[in-house]
Amino acid sequence: MLGWAFSGSLTQFDSCQAALRNFKPLFDRVLIEKFAAQTRSKGGVLLPETSIGKVLKGTVVATGPGNLDQKGDVIPTSVKVGDKVMLPEYGGTKLSIEDKEFYLYRDSDLLGVFTD
């Protein structure tokens, strides 16, 4: 099972999982699902949409095999499925898979990995 919350029916969840299994990023690309933006402050006050910042954290959903070096050897990606990563403010290619939004980044574009 994927490590993210799903708010639809079980059949929608299964079809989304199947669509993700059928999508494999190429080379050093990494498919990311961004975390949901916080709509409440720590005190419980609802935040207006204009004050909600960009979400710069996400979960790795799929990775490509890696890039090739000059000898033709594969250099694997530095992240694995399930890693929580810091994203750049701009960049990435937006994808819609089964009405969910995902973003495709190069492995070298990711800023860091969060450790528990």
N, C-alpha and C. Protein backbone atom coordinates (compact mmCIF):
# COMPACT_ATOMS: atom_id res chain seq x y z
N MET A 1 0.84 -1.18 0.00
CA MET A 1 0.00 0.00 0.00
C MET A 1 0.89 1.24 0.00
N LEU A 2 0.44 2.27 -0.63
CA LEU A 2 1.19 3.52 -0.68
C LEU A 2 1.07 4.25 0.64
N GLY A 3 2.07 5.07 0.98
CA GLY A 3 2.09 5.74 2.26
C GLY A 3 1.46 7.11 2.23
N TRP A 4 0.27 7.25 1.67
CA TRP A 4 -0.40 8.55 1.65
C TRP A 4 -1.88 8.35 1.88
N ALA A 5 -2.53 9.39 2.36
CA ALA A 5 -3.96 9.33 2.66
C ALA A 5 -4.77 9.40 1.37
N PHE A 6 -5.86 8.68 1.33
CA PHE A 6 -6.73 8.68 0.16
C PHE A 6 -8.14 8.90 0.63
N SER A 7 -8.84 9.85 0.00
CA SER A 7 -10.17 10.21 0.49
C SER A 7 -11.30 9.71 -0.42
N GLY A 8 -11.03 8.83 -1.35
CA GLY A 8 -12.06 8.32 -2.25
C GLY A 8 -12.52 6.94 -1.83
N SER A 9 -13.26 6.29 -2.72
CA SER A 9 -13.73 4.94 -2.42
C SER A 9 -12.60 3.94 -2.64
N LEU A 10 -12.81 2.71 -2.21
CA LEU A 10 -11.80 1.68 -2.33
C LEU A 10 -11.50 1.37 -3.79
N THR A 11 -12.53 1.39 -4.65
CA THR A 11 -12.28 1.11 -6.06
C THR A 11 -11.47 2.23 -6.71
N GLN A 12 -11.70 3.48 -6.29
CA GLN A 12 -10.89 4.58 -6.81
C GLN A 12 -9.45 4.43 -6.35
N PHE A 13 -9.26 4.01 -5.10
CA PHE A 13 -7.91 3.80 -4.57
C PHE A 13 -7.20 2.71 -5.37
N ASP A 14 -7.90 1.60 -5.63
CA ASP A 14 -7.31 0.50 -6.39
C ASP A 14 -6.95 0.94 -7.80
N SER A 15 -7.81 1.74 -8.45
CA SER A 15 -7.50 2.17 -9.82
C SER A 15 -6.34 3.16 -9.83
N CYS A 16 -6.22 3.98 -8.79
CA CYS A 16 -5.09 4.91 -8.69
C CYS A 16 -3.79 4.12 -8.48
N GLN A 17 -3.83 3.11 -7.62
CA GLN A 17 -2.65 2.27 -7.40
C GLN A 17 -2.26 1.56 -8.69
N ALA A 18 -3.23 1.05 -9.42
CA ALA A 18 -2.95 0.36 -10.68
C ALA A 18 -2.33 1.31 -11.69
N ALA A 19 -2.84 2.54 -11.76
CA ALA A 19 -2.28 3.52 -12.69
C ALA A 19 -0.84 3.86 -12.32
N LEU A 20 -0.55 3.97 -11.02
CA LEU A 20 0.81 4.25 -10.59
C LEU A 20 1.75 3.09 -10.86
N ARG A 21 1.25 1.87 -10.74
CA ARG A 21 2.07 0.70 -11.05
C ARG A 21 2.41 0.67 -12.54
N ASN A 22 1.52 1.20 -13.37
CA ASN A 22 1.74 1.21 -14.81
C ASN A 22 2.61 2.37 -15.27
N PHE A 23 2.96 3.29 -14.37
CA PHE A 23 3.79 4.43 -14.73
C PHE A 23 5.17 4.26 -14.10
N LYS A 24 6.20 4.22 -14.92
CA LYS A 24 7.57 4.09 -14.44
C LYS A 24 8.38 5.25 -15.00
N PRO A 25 8.89 6.15 -14.12
CA PRO A 25 9.71 7.26 -14.61
C PRO A 25 10.97 6.74 -15.32
N LEU A 26 11.44 7.49 -16.28
CA LEU A 26 12.65 7.11 -17.02
C LEU A 26 13.88 7.76 -16.40
N PHE A 27 15.03 7.13 -16.62
CA PHE A 27 16.35 7.63 -16.22
C PHE A 27 16.36 8.07 -14.76
N ASP A 28 16.71 9.34 -14.50
CA ASP A 28 16.84 9.80 -13.12
C ASP A 28 15.63 10.59 -12.65
N ARG A 29 14.47 10.35 -13.25
CA ARG A 29 13.26 11.06 -12.87
C ARG A 29 12.65 10.42 -11.62
N VAL A 30 11.99 11.27 -10.81
CA VAL A 30 11.37 10.83 -9.57
C VAL A 30 9.95 11.39 -9.54
N LEU A 31 8.95 10.53 -9.29
CA LEU A 31 7.56 10.94 -9.20
C LEU A 31 7.23 11.23 -7.73
N ILE A 32 6.72 12.45 -7.48
CA ILE A 32 6.48 12.94 -6.13
C ILE A 32 5.01 13.29 -5.95
N GLU A 33 4.47 12.95 -4.79
CA GLU A 33 3.16 13.46 -4.39
C GLU A 33 3.41 14.48 -3.29
N LYS A 34 3.04 15.73 -3.53
CA LYS A 34 3.27 16.78 -2.55
C LYS A 34 2.32 16.62 -1.36
N PHE A 35 2.81 17.02 -0.18
CA PHE A 35 1.96 17.02 1.02
C PHE A 35 0.86 18.05 0.84
N ALA A 36 -0.24 17.87 1.54
CA ALA A 36 -1.33 18.84 1.50
C ALA A 36 -0.94 20.09 2.29
N ALA A 37 -1.33 21.25 1.80
CA ALA A 37 -1.03 22.51 2.48
C ALA A 37 -1.84 22.61 3.77
N GLN A 38 -1.23 23.18 4.81
CA GLN A 38 -1.94 23.37 6.06
C GLN A 38 -2.93 24.51 5.91
N THR A 39 -4.17 24.25 6.29
CA THR A 39 -5.20 25.29 6.19
C THR A 39 -5.55 25.87 7.55
N ARG A 40 -4.93 25.35 8.61
CA ARG A 40 -5.16 25.85 9.96
C ARG A 40 -3.81 26.16 10.60
N SER A 41 -3.81 27.17 11.44
CA SER A 41 -2.60 27.50 12.18
C SER A 41 -2.45 26.51 13.34
N LYS A 42 -1.34 26.58 14.05
CA LYS A 42 -1.13 25.68 15.19
C LYS A 42 -2.16 25.91 16.28
N GLY A 43 -2.69 27.14 16.36
CA GLY A 43 -3.73 27.46 17.34
C GLY A 43 -5.13 27.06 16.89
N GLY A 44 -5.29 26.57 15.66
CA GLY A 44 -6.57 26.12 15.16
C GLY A 44 -7.33 27.15 14.33
N VAL A 45 -6.72 28.30 14.06
CA VAL A 45 -7.37 29.35 13.27
C VAL A 45 -7.27 29.00 11.79
N LEU A 46 -8.39 29.12 11.06
CA LEU A 46 -8.37 28.88 9.62
C LEU A 46 -7.55 29.95 8.92
N LEU A 47 -6.67 29.53 8.00
CA LEU A 47 -5.82 30.45 7.26
C LEU A 47 -6.46 30.78 5.92
N PRO A 48 -6.42 32.05 5.50
CA PRO A 48 -6.93 32.38 4.16
C PRO A 48 -6.01 31.81 3.09
N GLU A 49 -6.56 31.56 1.92
CA GLU A 49 -5.79 30.95 0.83
C GLU A 49 -4.57 31.77 0.45
N THR A 50 -4.65 33.10 0.58
CA THR A 50 -3.54 33.95 0.18
C THR A 50 -2.34 33.82 1.12
N SER A 51 -2.57 33.39 2.36
CA SER A 51 -1.46 33.27 3.30
C SER A 51 -0.86 31.86 3.34
N ILE A 52 -1.47 30.93 2.63
CA ILE A 52 -0.94 29.56 2.60
C ILE A 52 0.22 29.54 1.61
N GLY A 53 1.39 29.15 2.08
CA GLY A 53 2.58 29.10 1.23
C GLY A 53 2.60 27.87 0.33
N LYS A 54 3.60 27.83 -0.53
CA LYS A 54 3.77 26.66 -1.39
C LYS A 54 4.21 25.47 -0.56
N VAL A 55 3.78 24.30 -0.98
CA VAL A 55 4.18 23.08 -0.31
C VAL A 55 5.50 22.63 -0.91
N LEU A 56 6.53 22.55 -0.08
CA LEU A 56 7.87 22.20 -0.56
C LEU A 56 8.33 20.85 -0.03
N LYS A 57 7.37 20.03 0.41
CA LYS A 57 7.68 18.68 0.89
C LYS A 57 6.79 17.69 0.16
N GLY A 58 7.31 16.49 -0.04
CA GLY A 58 6.52 15.48 -0.71
C GLY A 58 7.05 14.08 -0.43
N THR A 59 6.30 13.10 -0.90
CA THR A 59 6.65 11.70 -0.75
C THR A 59 6.99 11.12 -2.12
N VAL A 60 8.06 10.36 -2.18
CA VAL A 60 8.47 9.70 -3.43
C VAL A 60 7.50 8.54 -3.68
N VAL A 61 6.88 8.55 -4.86
CA VAL A 61 5.91 7.52 -5.23
C VAL A 61 6.54 6.50 -6.18
N ALA A 62 7.44 6.94 -7.06
CA ALA A 62 8.12 6.05 -8.00
C ALA A 62 9.42 6.69 -8.43
N THR A 63 10.40 5.86 -8.78
CA THR A 63 11.68 6.37 -9.26
C THR A 63 12.08 5.63 -10.53
N GLY A 64 12.87 6.31 -11.34
CA GLY A 64 13.45 5.67 -12.51
C GLY A 64 14.67 4.85 -12.09
N PRO A 65 15.25 4.10 -13.01
CA PRO A 65 16.40 3.26 -12.67
C PRO A 65 17.67 4.05 -12.37
N GLY A 66 17.78 5.26 -12.90
CA GLY A 66 18.97 6.08 -12.70
C GLY A 66 19.53 6.55 -14.03
N ASN A 67 20.56 7.36 -13.95
CA ASN A 67 21.20 7.92 -15.15
C ASN A 67 22.39 7.07 -15.54
N LEU A 68 22.86 7.24 -16.75
CA LEU A 68 24.04 6.53 -17.22
C LEU A 68 25.26 7.43 -17.14
N ASP A 69 26.40 6.86 -16.71
CA ASP A 69 27.64 7.63 -16.73
C ASP A 69 28.30 7.47 -18.10
N GLN A 70 29.51 8.00 -18.26
CA GLN A 70 30.17 7.99 -19.57
C GLN A 70 30.54 6.59 -20.02
N LYS A 71 30.71 5.67 -19.08
CA LYS A 71 31.04 4.28 -19.42
C LYS A 71 29.80 3.46 -19.77
N GLY A 72 28.62 4.02 -19.48
CA GLY A 72 27.38 3.30 -19.72
C GLY A 72 26.84 2.57 -18.50
N ASP A 73 27.51 2.77 -17.36
CA ASP A 73 27.03 2.16 -16.11
C ASP A 73 25.89 2.99 -15.53
N VAL A 74 24.95 2.32 -14.89
CA VAL A 74 23.80 3.01 -14.30
C VAL A 74 24.19 3.59 -12.94
N ILE A 75 23.92 4.88 -12.75
CA ILE A 75 24.06 5.54 -11.45
C ILE A 75 22.66 5.60 -10.86
N PRO A 76 22.38 4.82 -9.80
CA PRO A 76 21.00 4.77 -9.28
C PRO A 76 20.58 6.10 -8.67
N THR A 77 19.27 6.31 -8.58
CA THR A 77 18.74 7.53 -7.96
C THR A 77 19.08 7.51 -6.48
N SER A 78 19.15 8.69 -5.89
CA SER A 78 19.55 8.81 -4.48
C SER A 78 18.38 8.66 -3.51
N VAL A 79 17.16 8.52 -4.01
CA VAL A 79 15.99 8.35 -3.16
C VAL A 79 15.28 7.05 -3.52
N LYS A 80 14.45 6.58 -2.61
CA LYS A 80 13.66 5.37 -2.88
C LYS A 80 12.19 5.66 -2.58
N VAL A 81 11.33 4.80 -3.02
CA VAL A 81 9.89 4.96 -2.82
C VAL A 81 9.60 5.04 -1.32
N GLY A 82 8.80 6.04 -0.94
CA GLY A 82 8.43 6.24 0.45
C GLY A 82 9.24 7.31 1.16
N ASP A 83 10.37 7.74 0.58
CA ASP A 83 11.17 8.80 1.19
C ASP A 83 10.41 10.12 1.20
N LYS A 84 10.59 10.88 2.26
CA LYS A 84 10.04 12.24 2.36
C LYS A 84 11.14 13.19 1.93
N VAL A 85 10.86 14.05 0.95
CA VAL A 85 11.90 14.89 0.36
C VAL A 85 11.51 16.37 0.39
N MET A 86 12.53 17.24 0.35
CA MET A 86 12.36 18.68 0.24
C MET A 86 12.46 19.03 -1.24
N LEU A 87 11.50 19.83 -1.72
CA LEU A 87 11.40 20.15 -3.14
C LEU A 87 11.82 21.59 -3.40
N PRO A 88 12.28 21.89 -4.62
CA PRO A 88 12.56 23.28 -4.96
C PRO A 88 11.25 24.06 -5.08
N GLU A 89 11.34 25.38 -4.93
CA GLU A 89 10.14 26.21 -5.01
C GLU A 89 9.53 26.18 -6.41
N TYR A 90 10.37 26.14 -7.42
CA TYR A 90 9.90 26.11 -8.81
C TYR A 90 10.44 24.87 -9.50
N GLY A 91 9.74 24.44 -10.53
CA GLY A 91 10.22 23.30 -11.31
C GLY A 91 9.29 22.11 -11.17
N GLY A 92 9.65 21.05 -11.81
CA GLY A 92 8.84 19.84 -11.81
C GLY A 92 7.78 19.90 -12.88
N THR A 93 7.39 18.74 -13.35
CA THR A 93 6.34 18.60 -14.36
C THR A 93 5.11 18.03 -13.69
N LYS A 94 4.00 18.75 -13.79
CA LYS A 94 2.76 18.34 -13.15
C LYS A 94 2.09 17.24 -13.97
N LEU A 95 1.68 16.16 -13.30
CA LEU A 95 0.97 15.05 -13.93
C LEU A 95 -0.33 14.79 -13.17
N SER A 96 -1.38 14.49 -13.89
CA SER A 96 -2.64 14.07 -13.25
C SER A 96 -2.85 12.61 -13.58
N ILE A 97 -2.88 11.79 -12.53
CA ILE A 97 -3.12 10.36 -12.69
C ILE A 97 -4.32 10.02 -11.84
N GLU A 98 -5.40 9.57 -12.48
CA GLU A 98 -6.64 9.21 -11.79
C GLU A 98 -7.11 10.34 -10.87
N ASP A 99 -7.13 11.56 -11.38
CA ASP A 99 -7.62 12.75 -10.67
C ASP A 99 -6.78 13.12 -9.45
N LYS A 100 -5.56 12.63 -9.35
CA LYS A 100 -4.63 13.04 -8.29
C LYS A 100 -3.45 13.73 -8.97
N GLU A 101 -2.88 14.72 -8.28
CA GLU A 101 -1.76 15.47 -8.85
C GLU A 101 -0.43 14.93 -8.33
N PHE A 102 0.48 14.70 -9.26
CA PHE A 102 1.83 14.27 -8.96
C PHE A 102 2.78 15.18 -9.72
N TYR A 103 4.03 15.19 -9.29
CA TYR A 103 5.04 16.03 -9.93
C TYR A 103 6.26 15.18 -10.25
N LEU A 104 6.83 15.40 -11.42
CA LEU A 104 7.99 14.65 -11.88
C LEU A 104 9.21 15.57 -11.82
N TYR A 105 10.22 15.17 -11.06
CA TYR A 105 11.46 15.94 -10.90
C TYR A 105 12.64 15.07 -11.30
N ARG A 106 13.74 15.71 -11.65
CA ARG A 106 15.00 14.99 -11.80
C ARG A 106 15.55 14.75 -10.39
N ASP A 107 16.26 13.66 -10.23
CA ASP A 107 16.84 13.32 -8.93
C ASP A 107 17.74 14.45 -8.44
N SER A 108 18.48 15.07 -9.32
CA SER A 108 19.40 16.14 -8.92
C SER A 108 18.67 17.43 -8.53
N ASP A 109 17.37 17.57 -8.86
CA ASP A 109 16.60 18.76 -8.49
C ASP A 109 16.13 18.71 -7.04
N LEU A 110 16.06 17.52 -6.45
CA LEU A 110 15.59 17.38 -5.07
C LEU A 110 16.62 17.99 -4.13
N LEU A 111 16.13 18.70 -3.11
CA LEU A 111 17.03 19.44 -2.22
C LEU A 111 17.51 18.63 -1.03
N GLY A 112 16.76 17.64 -0.61
CA GLY A 112 17.18 16.84 0.54
C GLY A 112 16.14 15.80 0.90
N VAL A 113 16.54 14.89 1.80
CA VAL A 113 15.67 13.81 2.27
C VAL A 113 15.50 13.98 3.77
N PHE A 114 14.26 13.89 4.26
CA PHE A 114 13.99 13.97 5.68
C PHE A 114 14.21 12.59 6.30
N THR A 115 14.87 12.57 7.45
CA THR A 115 15.07 11.33 8.17
C THR A 115 14.20 11.36 9.42
N ASP A 116 13.72 10.19 9.83
CA ASP A 116 12.82 10.13 10.99
C ASP A 116 13.58 10.15 12.29
